[in-house]
């Protein structure tokens, strides 16, 4: 149904996005450092539910787009490539966000932690654009059921995002201390992720084959 190359590509995109500073990472790190790992993991549960809701909505939406308005695919593809280039610039430009120098947050009960994780993810423009503009281009209608492909790709992205965010939550305190002593490592991380995202953007923008079958 889905080629190994498509699964590897969406996993690489998901990895690049989850390692690029954004609202989810900033909130999870701040919560973990100020209130502990348990609070960070509860917050991550809310983030995970947000991903699931996006997958369900995107699966229905992508199916409709391919069935009714195939040319929209090309526009979504170019928008996704442009967004990856913007994220690459954000990572490479001087003075990027210092995620592991988190702001202090008041202690909250588990229910609020979960709800805030959910809301943070649902209002995260990076995740919204991922599902609207990036996910569709890895779906190939010629390979079978579009909705099933979208669901599998979405679950792949969720697996990568939750795994990496979970590791960040568990190690937030140690990572923050490490990077505070070694600012050069922050630059290495930014340059690496920026280069990966830029390369993906160029590949997506120049790939005409998927646009043709869509």
N, C-alpha and C. Protein backbone atom coordinates (compact mmCIF):
# COMPACT_ATOMS: atom_id res chain seq x y z
N UNK A 1 0.84 -1.22 0.00
CA UNK A 1 0.00 0.00 0.00
C UNK A 1 0.86 1.25 0.00
N UNK A 2 1.66 1.43 1.05
CA UNK A 2 2.55 2.59 1.13
C UNK A 2 3.98 2.09 0.96
N UNK A 3 4.74 2.75 0.12
CA UNK A 3 6.12 2.33 -0.12
C UNK A 3 6.98 2.61 1.10
N UNK A 4 8.03 1.79 1.32
CA UNK A 4 8.97 2.06 2.41
C UNK A 4 9.59 3.45 2.30
N UNK A 5 9.79 3.92 1.07
CA UNK A 5 10.37 5.26 0.89
C UNK A 5 9.46 6.34 1.44
N UNK A 6 8.13 6.19 1.22
CA UNK A 6 7.19 7.18 1.73
C UNK A 6 7.16 7.17 3.25
N UNK A 7 7.18 5.97 3.84
CA UNK A 7 7.19 5.88 5.30
C UNK A 7 8.47 6.49 5.89
N UNK A 8 9.60 6.20 5.24
CA UNK A 8 10.87 6.76 5.71
C UNK A 8 10.86 8.28 5.57
N UNK A 9 10.27 8.78 4.48
CA UNK A 9 10.24 10.23 4.26
C UNK A 9 9.39 10.94 5.30
N UNK A 10 8.20 10.40 5.59
CA UNK A 10 7.34 11.06 6.58
C UNK A 10 7.96 10.96 7.97
N UNK A 11 8.67 9.86 8.25
CA UNK A 11 9.35 9.74 9.53
C UNK A 11 10.46 10.78 9.65
N UNK A 12 11.18 11.01 8.54
CA UNK A 12 12.25 12.00 8.55
C UNK A 12 11.69 13.41 8.72
N UNK A 13 10.59 13.71 8.02
CA UNK A 13 9.93 15.00 8.19
C UNK A 13 9.47 15.18 9.63
N UNK A 14 8.85 14.13 10.19
CA UNK A 14 8.37 14.21 11.57
C UNK A 14 9.52 14.45 12.54
N UNK A 15 10.65 13.77 12.29
CA UNK A 15 11.81 13.96 13.16
C UNK A 15 12.34 15.38 13.06
N UNK A 16 12.45 15.87 11.84
CA UNK A 16 12.93 17.24 11.67
C UNK A 16 12.03 18.25 12.35
N UNK A 17 10.70 18.05 12.24
CA UNK A 17 9.76 18.99 12.85
C UNK A 17 9.78 18.92 14.37
N UNK A 18 9.84 17.70 14.91
CA UNK A 18 9.78 17.57 16.37
C UNK A 18 11.06 18.10 17.02
N UNK A 19 12.16 18.08 16.29
CA UNK A 19 13.41 18.61 16.82
C UNK A 19 13.60 20.09 16.54
N UNK A 20 12.67 20.67 15.78
CA UNK A 20 12.70 22.11 15.53
C UNK A 20 11.86 22.81 16.59
N UNK A 21 12.43 23.75 17.34
CA UNK A 21 11.68 24.37 18.44
C UNK A 21 10.33 24.92 18.01
N UNK A 22 9.33 24.63 18.80
CA UNK A 22 7.97 25.10 18.55
C UNK A 22 7.18 25.10 19.84
N UNK A 23 5.90 25.45 19.79
CA UNK A 23 5.08 25.53 21.01
C UNK A 23 5.05 24.25 21.83
N UNK A 24 4.95 23.09 21.17
CA UNK A 24 4.90 21.83 21.92
C UNK A 24 6.17 21.61 22.73
N UNK A 25 7.32 21.73 22.06
CA UNK A 25 8.58 21.49 22.74
C UNK A 25 8.81 22.49 23.88
N UNK A 26 8.51 23.75 23.61
CA UNK A 26 8.72 24.78 24.64
C UNK A 26 7.85 24.50 25.86
N UNK A 27 6.57 24.15 25.62
CA UNK A 27 5.68 23.88 26.75
C UNK A 27 6.12 22.63 27.52
N UNK A 28 6.44 21.56 26.82
CA UNK A 28 6.82 20.32 27.49
C UNK A 28 8.11 20.47 28.29
N UNK A 29 9.08 21.16 27.72
CA UNK A 29 10.34 21.36 28.43
C UNK A 29 10.12 22.24 29.66
N UNK A 30 9.40 23.34 29.48
CA UNK A 30 9.14 24.24 30.61
C UNK A 30 8.40 23.50 31.73
N UNK A 31 7.40 22.72 31.35
CA UNK A 31 6.62 21.99 32.36
C UNK A 31 7.47 20.93 33.06
N UNK A 32 8.31 20.24 32.30
CA UNK A 32 9.13 19.17 32.88
C UNK A 32 10.19 19.73 33.82
N UNK A 33 10.81 20.84 33.43
CA UNK A 33 11.86 21.42 34.25
C UNK A 33 11.30 22.04 35.52
N UNK A 34 10.15 22.70 35.43
CA UNK A 34 9.60 23.42 36.58
C UNK A 34 8.73 22.55 37.49
N UNK A 35 8.11 21.48 36.93
CA UNK A 35 7.19 20.69 37.76
C UNK A 35 7.53 19.20 37.79
N UNK A 36 8.53 18.78 37.03
CA UNK A 36 8.96 17.40 37.10
C UNK A 36 8.54 16.55 35.90
N UNK A 37 9.15 15.38 35.82
CA UNK A 37 8.91 14.49 34.69
C UNK A 37 7.46 14.02 34.61
N UNK A 38 6.86 13.73 35.75
CA UNK A 38 5.48 13.23 35.73
C UNK A 38 4.55 14.27 35.11
N UNK A 39 4.73 15.52 35.48
CA UNK A 39 3.91 16.59 34.90
C UNK A 39 4.16 16.70 33.41
N UNK A 40 5.42 16.54 33.00
CA UNK A 40 5.73 16.60 31.58
C UNK A 40 5.08 15.46 30.80
N UNK A 41 5.05 14.26 31.39
CA UNK A 41 4.44 13.12 30.71
C UNK A 41 2.92 13.25 30.63
N UNK A 42 2.30 13.79 31.68
CA UNK A 42 0.85 14.04 31.62
C UNK A 42 0.55 15.06 30.53
N UNK A 43 1.35 16.11 30.45
CA UNK A 43 1.18 17.11 29.40
C UNK A 43 1.37 16.48 28.02
N UNK A 44 2.32 15.56 27.91
CA UNK A 44 2.56 14.88 26.65
C UNK A 44 1.35 14.04 26.24
N UNK A 45 0.62 13.50 27.22
CA UNK A 45 -0.60 12.77 26.89
C UNK A 45 -1.61 13.66 26.18
N UNK A 46 -1.74 14.90 26.63
CA UNK A 46 -2.62 15.85 25.94
C UNK A 46 -2.14 16.15 24.54
N UNK A 47 -0.82 16.31 24.38
CA UNK A 47 -0.25 16.54 23.05
C UNK A 47 -0.56 15.37 22.13
N UNK A 48 -0.43 14.15 22.66
CA UNK A 48 -0.69 12.95 21.86
C UNK A 48 -2.14 12.91 21.38
N UNK A 49 -3.09 13.26 22.27
CA UNK A 49 -4.50 13.29 21.86
C UNK A 49 -4.71 14.31 20.75
N UNK A 50 -4.02 15.44 20.82
CA UNK A 50 -4.11 16.44 19.76
C UNK A 50 -3.66 15.88 18.42
N UNK A 51 -2.58 15.09 18.43
CA UNK A 51 -2.12 14.45 17.20
C UNK A 51 -3.18 13.51 16.63
N UNK A 52 -3.81 12.73 17.52
CA UNK A 52 -4.84 11.79 17.06
C UNK A 52 -6.00 12.53 16.41
N UNK A 53 -6.43 13.63 17.02
CA UNK A 53 -7.53 14.41 16.44
C UNK A 53 -7.14 14.97 15.08
N UNK A 54 -5.91 15.43 14.94
CA UNK A 54 -5.43 15.93 13.65
C UNK A 54 -5.43 14.81 12.60
N UNK A 55 -4.99 13.61 12.99
CA UNK A 55 -4.94 12.50 12.04
C UNK A 55 -6.33 12.16 11.53
N UNK A 56 -7.30 12.09 12.45
CA UNK A 56 -8.67 11.77 12.05
C UNK A 56 -9.21 12.83 11.08
N UNK A 57 -9.02 14.10 11.42
CA UNK A 57 -9.51 15.17 10.56
C UNK A 57 -8.79 15.19 9.22
N UNK A 58 -7.46 14.98 9.26
CA UNK A 58 -6.69 15.02 8.01
C UNK A 58 -7.04 13.86 7.10
N UNK A 59 -7.29 12.68 7.68
CA UNK A 59 -7.63 11.52 6.87
C UNK A 59 -8.91 11.78 6.07
N UNK A 60 -9.92 12.31 6.73
CA UNK A 60 -11.17 12.63 6.04
C UNK A 60 -10.96 13.74 5.01
N UNK A 61 -10.19 14.75 5.39
CA UNK A 61 -9.97 15.89 4.49
C UNK A 61 -9.17 15.54 3.27
N UNK A 62 -8.10 14.74 3.46
CA UNK A 62 -7.25 14.36 2.33
C UNK A 62 -8.03 13.51 1.34
N UNK A 63 -8.84 12.59 1.85
CA UNK A 63 -9.66 11.76 0.98
C UNK A 63 -10.58 12.61 0.13
N UNK A 64 -11.20 13.59 0.74
CA UNK A 64 -12.12 14.48 0.01
C UNK A 64 -11.39 15.29 -1.05
N UNK A 65 -10.21 15.81 -0.69
CA UNK A 65 -9.43 16.61 -1.64
C UNK A 65 -9.07 15.80 -2.87
N UNK A 66 -8.57 14.60 -2.66
CA UNK A 66 -8.15 13.78 -3.80
C UNK A 66 -9.35 13.36 -4.67
N UNK A 67 -10.48 13.15 -4.05
CA UNK A 67 -11.64 12.70 -4.81
C UNK A 67 -12.27 13.83 -5.60
N UNK A 68 -12.35 15.02 -5.01
CA UNK A 68 -13.12 16.11 -5.62
C UNK A 68 -12.25 17.15 -6.34
N UNK A 69 -11.08 17.47 -5.77
CA UNK A 69 -10.28 18.57 -6.33
C UNK A 69 -8.81 18.15 -6.42
N UNK A 70 -8.45 17.25 -7.32
CA UNK A 70 -7.06 16.81 -7.42
C UNK A 70 -6.03 17.92 -7.61
N UNK A 71 -6.32 19.01 -8.38
CA UNK A 71 -5.30 20.05 -8.55
C UNK A 71 -4.88 20.74 -7.25
N UNK A 72 -5.72 20.68 -6.22
CA UNK A 72 -5.36 21.31 -4.95
C UNK A 72 -4.10 20.66 -4.37
N UNK A 73 -3.87 19.40 -4.72
CA UNK A 73 -2.70 18.68 -4.23
C UNK A 73 -1.41 19.44 -4.52
N UNK A 74 -1.29 19.96 -5.74
CA UNK A 74 -0.07 20.67 -6.13
C UNK A 74 0.12 21.92 -5.27
N UNK A 75 -0.96 22.64 -5.02
CA UNK A 75 -0.88 23.84 -4.19
C UNK A 75 -0.45 23.49 -2.77
N UNK A 76 -1.04 22.41 -2.23
CA UNK A 76 -0.67 21.97 -0.88
C UNK A 76 0.80 21.57 -0.83
N UNK A 77 1.24 20.91 -1.88
CA UNK A 77 2.63 20.46 -1.94
C UNK A 77 3.60 21.63 -1.91
N UNK A 78 3.33 22.64 -2.74
CA UNK A 78 4.21 23.81 -2.78
C UNK A 78 4.16 24.59 -1.46
N UNK A 79 2.97 24.66 -0.87
CA UNK A 79 2.86 25.32 0.43
C UNK A 79 3.67 24.58 1.48
N UNK A 80 3.63 23.26 1.45
CA UNK A 80 4.40 22.47 2.41
C UNK A 80 5.90 22.67 2.23
N UNK A 81 6.35 22.69 0.97
CA UNK A 81 7.77 22.91 0.71
C UNK A 81 8.19 24.30 1.21
N UNK A 82 7.34 25.30 0.96
CA UNK A 82 7.65 26.65 1.43
C UNK A 82 7.71 26.72 2.94
N UNK A 83 6.82 26.00 3.61
CA UNK A 83 6.82 26.02 5.07
C UNK A 83 8.07 25.35 5.62
N UNK A 84 8.51 24.26 5.00
CA UNK A 84 9.75 23.62 5.45
C UNK A 84 10.94 24.57 5.29
N UNK A 85 10.96 25.33 4.19
CA UNK A 85 12.04 26.30 4.00
C UNK A 85 12.00 27.37 5.09
N UNK A 86 10.79 27.80 5.46
CA UNK A 86 10.67 28.81 6.53
C UNK A 86 11.17 28.24 7.86
N UNK A 87 10.83 26.98 8.15
CA UNK A 87 11.32 26.35 9.38
C UNK A 87 12.84 26.21 9.35
N UNK A 88 13.38 25.90 8.16
CA UNK A 88 14.83 25.78 8.04
C UNK A 88 15.50 27.13 8.34
N UNK A 89 14.92 28.21 7.83
CA UNK A 89 15.46 29.55 8.10
C UNK A 89 15.37 29.87 9.59
N UNK A 90 14.24 29.52 10.21
CA UNK A 90 14.09 29.78 11.64
C UNK A 90 15.15 29.05 12.45
N UNK A 91 15.50 27.84 12.00
CA UNK A 91 16.52 27.07 12.72
C UNK A 91 17.92 27.63 12.49
N UNK A 92 18.18 28.12 11.27
CA UNK A 92 19.53 28.55 10.92
C UNK A 92 19.83 30.00 11.28
N UNK A 93 18.82 30.82 11.39
CA UNK A 93 19.07 32.24 11.63
C UNK A 93 19.66 32.46 13.03
N UNK A 94 20.49 33.50 13.17
CA UNK A 94 21.06 33.81 14.49
C UNK A 94 19.97 34.19 15.49
N UNK A 95 20.20 33.87 16.74
CA UNK A 95 19.27 34.26 17.79
C UNK A 95 18.00 33.45 17.83
N UNK A 96 18.06 32.16 17.47
CA UNK A 96 16.89 31.31 17.52
C UNK A 96 16.39 31.11 18.94
N UNK A 97 15.19 30.52 19.04
CA UNK A 97 14.59 30.31 20.35
C UNK A 97 15.43 29.39 21.22
N UNK A 98 15.70 29.78 22.46
CA UNK A 98 16.43 28.94 23.41
C UNK A 98 15.42 28.08 24.17
N UNK A 99 15.10 26.91 23.60
CA UNK A 99 14.07 26.07 24.16
C UNK A 99 14.44 25.56 25.54
N UNK A 100 15.71 25.23 25.74
CA UNK A 100 16.12 24.63 27.00
C UNK A 100 16.58 25.67 28.02
N UNK A 101 16.10 26.91 27.84
CA UNK A 101 16.18 27.91 28.90
C UNK A 101 14.73 28.31 29.19
N UNK A 102 13.95 27.36 29.74
CA UNK A 102 12.49 27.50 29.80
C UNK A 102 12.03 28.53 30.80
N UNK A 103 10.80 29.01 30.56
CA UNK A 103 10.21 29.96 31.50
C UNK A 103 9.57 29.21 32.67
N UNK A 104 9.49 29.88 33.79
CA UNK A 104 8.85 29.28 34.97
C UNK A 104 7.35 29.22 34.78
N UNK A 105 6.75 28.09 35.20
CA UNK A 105 5.31 27.91 35.13
C UNK A 105 4.77 27.51 36.50
N UNK A 106 3.59 27.98 36.89
CA UNK A 106 3.02 27.56 38.16
C UNK A 106 2.62 26.10 38.11
N UNK A 107 2.67 25.43 39.27
CA UNK A 107 2.28 24.01 39.34
C UNK A 107 0.78 23.87 39.06
N UNK A 108 0.42 22.92 38.21
CA UNK A 108 -0.98 22.68 37.85
C UNK A 108 -1.34 21.23 38.14
N UNK A 109 -2.62 20.94 38.39
CA UNK A 109 -3.08 19.56 38.60
C UNK A 109 -3.06 18.79 37.28
N UNK A 110 -3.08 17.44 37.36
CA UNK A 110 -2.99 16.62 36.14
C UNK A 110 -4.01 16.96 35.07
N UNK A 111 -5.27 17.22 35.47
CA UNK A 111 -6.30 17.50 34.46
C UNK A 111 -5.95 18.74 33.66
N UNK A 112 -5.45 19.76 34.33
CA UNK A 112 -5.09 20.98 33.62
C UNK A 112 -3.83 20.76 32.78
N UNK A 113 -2.89 19.98 33.28
CA UNK A 113 -1.69 19.68 32.50
C UNK A 113 -2.06 19.00 31.19
N UNK A 114 -2.96 18.02 31.27
CA UNK A 114 -3.40 17.29 30.08
C UNK A 114 -4.11 18.24 29.11
N UNK A 115 -5.00 19.06 29.64
CA UNK A 115 -5.76 19.98 28.81
C UNK A 115 -4.85 21.01 28.14
N UNK A 116 -3.86 21.50 28.87
CA UNK A 116 -2.95 22.48 28.29
C UNK A 116 -2.08 21.86 27.20
N UNK A 117 -1.68 20.60 27.40
CA UNK A 117 -0.93 19.91 26.36
C UNK A 117 -1.76 19.76 25.10
N UNK A 118 -3.04 19.40 25.27
CA UNK A 118 -3.95 19.25 24.14
C UNK A 118 -4.14 20.57 23.40
N UNK A 119 -4.44 21.63 24.15
CA UNK A 119 -4.70 22.93 23.53
C UNK A 119 -3.44 23.46 22.84
N UNK A 120 -2.29 23.29 23.49
CA UNK A 120 -1.03 23.75 22.89
C UNK A 120 -0.80 23.10 21.54
N UNK A 121 -1.09 21.80 21.44
CA UNK A 121 -0.88 21.10 20.18
C UNK A 121 -1.92 21.49 19.14
N UNK A 122 -3.18 21.60 19.54
CA UNK A 122 -4.23 21.95 18.58
C UNK A 122 -4.03 23.34 18.00
N UNK A 123 -3.43 24.24 18.78
CA UNK A 123 -3.21 25.62 18.32
C UNK A 123 -1.82 25.82 17.74
N UNK A 124 -1.07 24.72 17.57
CA UNK A 124 0.29 24.80 17.05
C UNK A 124 0.26 24.89 15.53
N UNK A 125 0.62 26.02 14.95
CA UNK A 125 0.55 26.15 13.48
C UNK A 125 1.46 25.18 12.75
N UNK A 126 2.57 24.79 13.38
CA UNK A 126 3.49 23.85 12.75
C UNK A 126 2.81 22.51 12.52
N UNK A 127 2.03 22.04 13.49
CA UNK A 127 1.35 20.75 13.36
C UNK A 127 0.20 20.85 12.37
N UNK A 128 -0.53 21.95 12.42
CA UNK A 128 -1.64 22.13 11.48
C UNK A 128 -1.15 22.09 10.05
N UNK A 129 -0.06 22.78 9.76
CA UNK A 129 0.47 22.80 8.40
C UNK A 129 1.05 21.45 8.02
N UNK A 130 1.61 20.72 8.98
CA UNK A 130 2.10 19.38 8.70
C UNK A 130 1.01 18.51 8.11
N UNK A 131 -0.17 18.53 8.72
CA UNK A 131 -1.25 17.66 8.27
C UNK A 131 -1.97 18.21 7.03
N UNK A 132 -1.99 19.50 6.88
CA UNK A 132 -2.69 20.09 5.74
C UNK A 132 -1.82 20.08 4.48
N UNK A 133 -0.54 20.42 4.63
CA UNK A 133 0.31 20.63 3.46
C UNK A 133 1.34 19.53 3.21
N UNK A 134 1.86 18.92 4.27
CA UNK A 134 2.96 17.98 4.10
C UNK A 134 2.49 16.53 3.97
N UNK A 135 1.58 16.11 4.82
CA UNK A 135 1.13 14.72 4.79
C UNK A 135 0.56 14.30 3.43
N UNK A 136 -0.26 15.15 2.76
CA UNK A 136 -0.88 14.70 1.50
C UNK A 136 0.11 14.29 0.43
N UNK A 137 1.30 14.89 0.41
CA UNK A 137 2.20 14.59 -0.70
C UNK A 137 2.85 13.23 -0.60
N UNK A 138 2.72 12.56 0.55
CA UNK A 138 3.24 11.21 0.68
C UNK A 138 2.17 10.16 0.41
N UNK A 139 0.98 10.61 0.08
CA UNK A 139 -0.12 9.71 -0.29
C UNK A 139 -0.15 9.58 -1.81
N UNK A 140 -0.14 8.34 -2.29
CA UNK A 140 -0.17 8.08 -3.72
C UNK A 140 -1.46 7.34 -4.05
N UNK A 141 -2.44 8.01 -4.68
CA UNK A 141 -3.72 7.37 -4.98
C UNK A 141 -3.58 6.09 -5.80
N UNK A 142 -2.52 5.98 -6.58
CA UNK A 142 -2.35 4.80 -7.42
C UNK A 142 -1.99 3.56 -6.61
N UNK A 143 -1.62 3.76 -5.33
CA UNK A 143 -1.21 2.62 -4.51
C UNK A 143 -2.34 2.08 -3.64
N UNK A 144 -3.55 2.60 -3.81
CA UNK A 144 -4.66 2.03 -3.06
C UNK A 144 -5.42 3.05 -2.24
N UNK A 145 -6.09 2.58 -1.20
CA UNK A 145 -7.02 3.37 -0.39
C UNK A 145 -6.33 4.60 0.20
N UNK A 146 -6.81 5.78 -0.19
CA UNK A 146 -6.18 7.03 0.24
C UNK A 146 -6.31 7.24 1.75
N UNK A 147 -7.50 6.98 2.30
CA UNK A 147 -7.71 7.20 3.73
C UNK A 147 -6.81 6.29 4.56
N UNK A 148 -6.66 5.03 4.13
CA UNK A 148 -5.80 4.11 4.87
C UNK A 148 -4.35 4.55 4.82
N UNK A 149 -3.91 5.04 3.66
CA UNK A 149 -2.55 5.57 3.55
C UNK A 149 -2.35 6.77 4.48
N UNK A 150 -3.32 7.67 4.48
CA UNK A 150 -3.23 8.87 5.32
C UNK A 150 -3.16 8.48 6.79
N UNK A 151 -3.97 7.49 7.19
CA UNK A 151 -3.98 7.06 8.59
C UNK A 151 -2.64 6.46 8.97
N UNK A 152 -2.08 5.61 8.13
CA UNK A 152 -0.80 4.98 8.43
C UNK A 152 0.33 6.00 8.49
N UNK A 153 0.32 6.95 7.57
CA UNK A 153 1.33 8.00 7.59
C UNK A 153 1.20 8.85 8.85
N UNK A 154 -0.05 9.17 9.21
CA UNK A 154 -0.28 9.96 10.42
C UNK A 154 0.18 9.23 11.66
N UNK A 155 -0.07 7.93 11.74
CA UNK A 155 0.36 7.14 12.90
C UNK A 155 1.89 7.06 12.96
N UNK A 156 2.53 7.03 11.81
CA UNK A 156 4.00 7.05 11.78
C UNK A 156 4.53 8.36 12.36
N UNK A 157 3.92 9.46 11.93
CA UNK A 157 4.33 10.76 12.46
C UNK A 157 4.10 10.84 13.97
N UNK A 158 2.96 10.34 14.43
CA UNK A 158 2.67 10.37 15.87
C UNK A 158 3.69 9.56 16.64
N UNK A 159 4.05 8.38 16.14
CA UNK A 159 5.02 7.53 16.82
C UNK A 159 6.35 8.24 16.99
N UNK A 160 6.81 8.87 15.91
CA UNK A 160 8.09 9.60 15.98
C UNK A 160 7.98 10.77 16.96
N UNK A 161 6.90 11.55 16.84
CA UNK A 161 6.76 12.75 17.67
C UNK A 161 6.65 12.40 19.15
N UNK A 162 5.85 11.40 19.48
CA UNK A 162 5.66 11.06 20.89
C UNK A 162 6.93 10.44 21.47
N UNK A 163 7.61 9.61 20.69
CA UNK A 163 8.86 9.00 21.17
C UNK A 163 9.90 10.06 21.48
N UNK A 164 10.11 10.97 20.52
CA UNK A 164 11.14 12.01 20.72
C UNK A 164 10.74 12.96 21.83
N UNK A 165 9.48 13.39 21.84
CA UNK A 165 9.03 14.29 22.91
C UNK A 165 9.11 13.62 24.27
N UNK A 166 8.80 12.31 24.32
CA UNK A 166 8.91 11.59 25.58
C UNK A 166 10.34 11.57 26.09
N UNK A 167 11.29 11.34 25.20
CA UNK A 167 12.70 11.37 25.60
C UNK A 167 13.12 12.76 26.06
N UNK A 168 12.60 13.78 25.38
CA UNK A 168 12.91 15.16 25.78
C UNK A 168 12.35 15.46 27.16
N UNK A 169 11.12 15.02 27.43
CA UNK A 169 10.51 15.23 28.74
C UNK A 169 11.35 14.55 29.83
N UNK A 170 11.74 13.30 29.59
CA UNK A 170 12.50 12.54 30.60
C UNK A 170 13.88 13.15 30.85
N UNK A 171 14.45 13.74 29.81
CA UNK A 171 15.80 14.28 29.97
C UNK A 171 15.88 15.78 29.96
N UNK A 172 14.76 16.48 30.11
CA UNK A 172 14.74 17.94 29.96
C UNK A 172 15.71 18.64 30.91
N UNK A 173 15.69 18.24 32.18
CA UNK A 173 16.56 18.88 33.16
C UNK A 173 18.02 18.70 32.82
N UNK A 174 18.40 17.47 32.50
CA UNK A 174 19.80 17.17 32.17
C UNK A 174 20.22 17.85 30.87
N UNK A 175 19.32 17.84 29.89
CA UNK A 175 19.63 18.49 28.61
C UNK A 175 19.82 19.99 28.79
N UNK A 176 18.94 20.60 29.58
CA UNK A 176 19.04 22.04 29.82
C UNK A 176 20.38 22.39 30.47
N UNK A 177 20.80 21.59 31.46
CA UNK A 177 22.06 21.85 32.14
C UNK A 177 23.24 21.64 31.19
N UNK A 178 23.16 20.59 30.36
CA UNK A 178 24.23 20.29 29.41
C UNK A 178 24.40 21.42 28.40
N UNK A 179 23.29 21.87 27.82
CA UNK A 179 23.37 22.91 26.79
C UNK A 179 23.75 24.27 27.38
N UNK A 180 23.37 24.50 28.63
CA UNK A 180 23.75 25.76 29.27
C UNK A 180 25.27 25.88 29.38
N UNK A 181 25.93 24.73 29.56
CA UNK A 181 27.39 24.73 29.66
C UNK A 181 28.08 24.64 28.31
N UNK A 182 27.32 24.21 27.28
CA UNK A 182 27.91 24.00 25.96
C UNK A 182 27.03 24.63 24.88
N UNK A 183 27.02 25.93 24.76
CA UNK A 183 26.15 26.59 23.78
C UNK A 183 26.45 26.20 22.34
N UNK A 184 27.67 25.73 22.06
CA UNK A 184 28.01 25.32 20.70
C UNK A 184 27.14 24.17 20.24
N UNK A 185 26.72 23.30 21.17
CA UNK A 185 25.86 22.17 20.79
C UNK A 185 24.50 22.63 20.32
N UNK A 186 24.01 23.74 20.87
CA UNK A 186 22.74 24.28 20.40
C UNK A 186 22.85 24.72 18.94
N UNK A 187 23.98 25.32 18.59
CA UNK A 187 24.17 25.74 17.21
C UNK A 187 24.27 24.54 16.27
N UNK A 188 24.95 23.48 16.72
CA UNK A 188 25.05 22.26 15.91
C UNK A 188 23.66 21.69 15.64
N UNK A 189 22.83 21.62 16.69
CA UNK A 189 21.47 21.08 16.54
C UNK A 189 20.67 21.93 15.55
N UNK A 190 20.77 23.27 15.67
CA UNK A 190 20.03 24.15 14.78
C UNK A 190 20.49 23.98 13.34
N UNK A 191 21.80 23.94 13.12
CA UNK A 191 22.31 23.83 11.76
C UNK A 191 21.95 22.48 11.14
N UNK A 192 22.02 21.42 11.93
CA UNK A 192 21.69 20.09 11.41
C UNK A 192 20.23 20.02 11.00
N UNK A 193 19.33 20.46 11.88
CA UNK A 193 17.91 20.40 11.58
C UNK A 193 17.54 21.34 10.44
N UNK A 194 18.17 22.52 10.41
CA UNK A 194 17.89 23.46 9.33
C UNK A 194 18.30 22.90 7.98
N UNK A 195 19.45 22.24 7.94
CA UNK A 195 19.91 21.64 6.69
C UNK A 195 18.99 20.52 6.22
N UNK A 196 18.58 19.66 7.16
CA UNK A 196 17.67 18.55 6.82
C UNK A 196 16.35 19.09 6.28
N UNK A 197 15.78 20.07 6.96
CA UNK A 197 14.50 20.63 6.53
C UNK A 197 14.61 21.32 5.17
N UNK A 198 15.70 22.03 4.95
CA UNK A 198 15.89 22.69 3.66
C UNK A 198 16.02 21.67 2.53
N UNK A 199 16.77 20.59 2.78
CA UNK A 199 16.93 19.55 1.77
C UNK A 199 15.59 18.90 1.44
N UNK A 200 14.79 18.63 2.46
CA UNK A 200 13.47 18.05 2.23
C UNK A 200 12.59 19.00 1.43
N UNK A 201 12.66 20.28 1.75
CA UNK A 201 11.84 21.27 1.03
C UNK A 201 12.20 21.30 -0.44
N UNK A 202 13.49 21.29 -0.75
CA UNK A 202 13.93 21.32 -2.15
C UNK A 202 13.47 20.05 -2.86
N UNK A 203 13.64 18.89 -2.22
CA UNK A 203 13.22 17.63 -2.83
C UNK A 203 11.73 17.62 -3.13
N UNK A 204 10.94 18.08 -2.16
CA UNK A 204 9.48 18.11 -2.33
C UNK A 204 9.08 19.07 -3.45
N UNK A 205 9.71 20.24 -3.46
CA UNK A 205 9.35 21.23 -4.45
C UNK A 205 9.70 20.82 -5.87
N UNK A 206 10.76 20.03 -6.04
CA UNK A 206 11.19 19.61 -7.38
C UNK A 206 10.56 18.30 -7.83
N UNK A 207 9.91 17.59 -6.92
CA UNK A 207 9.33 16.28 -7.26
C UNK A 207 8.03 16.49 -8.03
N UNK A 208 8.03 16.17 -9.32
CA UNK A 208 6.85 16.33 -10.17
C UNK A 208 6.05 15.05 -10.28
N UNK A 209 6.65 13.93 -9.95
CA UNK A 209 5.96 12.65 -10.14
C UNK A 209 4.72 12.54 -9.30
N UNK A 210 4.82 12.88 -8.01
CA UNK A 210 3.66 12.75 -7.12
C UNK A 210 2.55 13.72 -7.50
N UNK A 211 2.95 14.89 -7.94
CA UNK A 211 1.92 15.85 -8.36
C UNK A 211 1.16 15.32 -9.56
N UNK A 212 1.84 14.60 -10.43
CA UNK A 212 1.20 14.10 -11.63
C UNK A 212 0.19 13.00 -11.32
N UNK A 213 0.55 12.04 -10.41
CA UNK A 213 -0.38 10.96 -10.10
C UNK A 213 -1.50 11.43 -9.23
N UNK A 214 -1.31 12.54 -8.50
CA UNK A 214 -2.38 13.04 -7.64
C UNK A 214 -3.50 13.61 -8.48
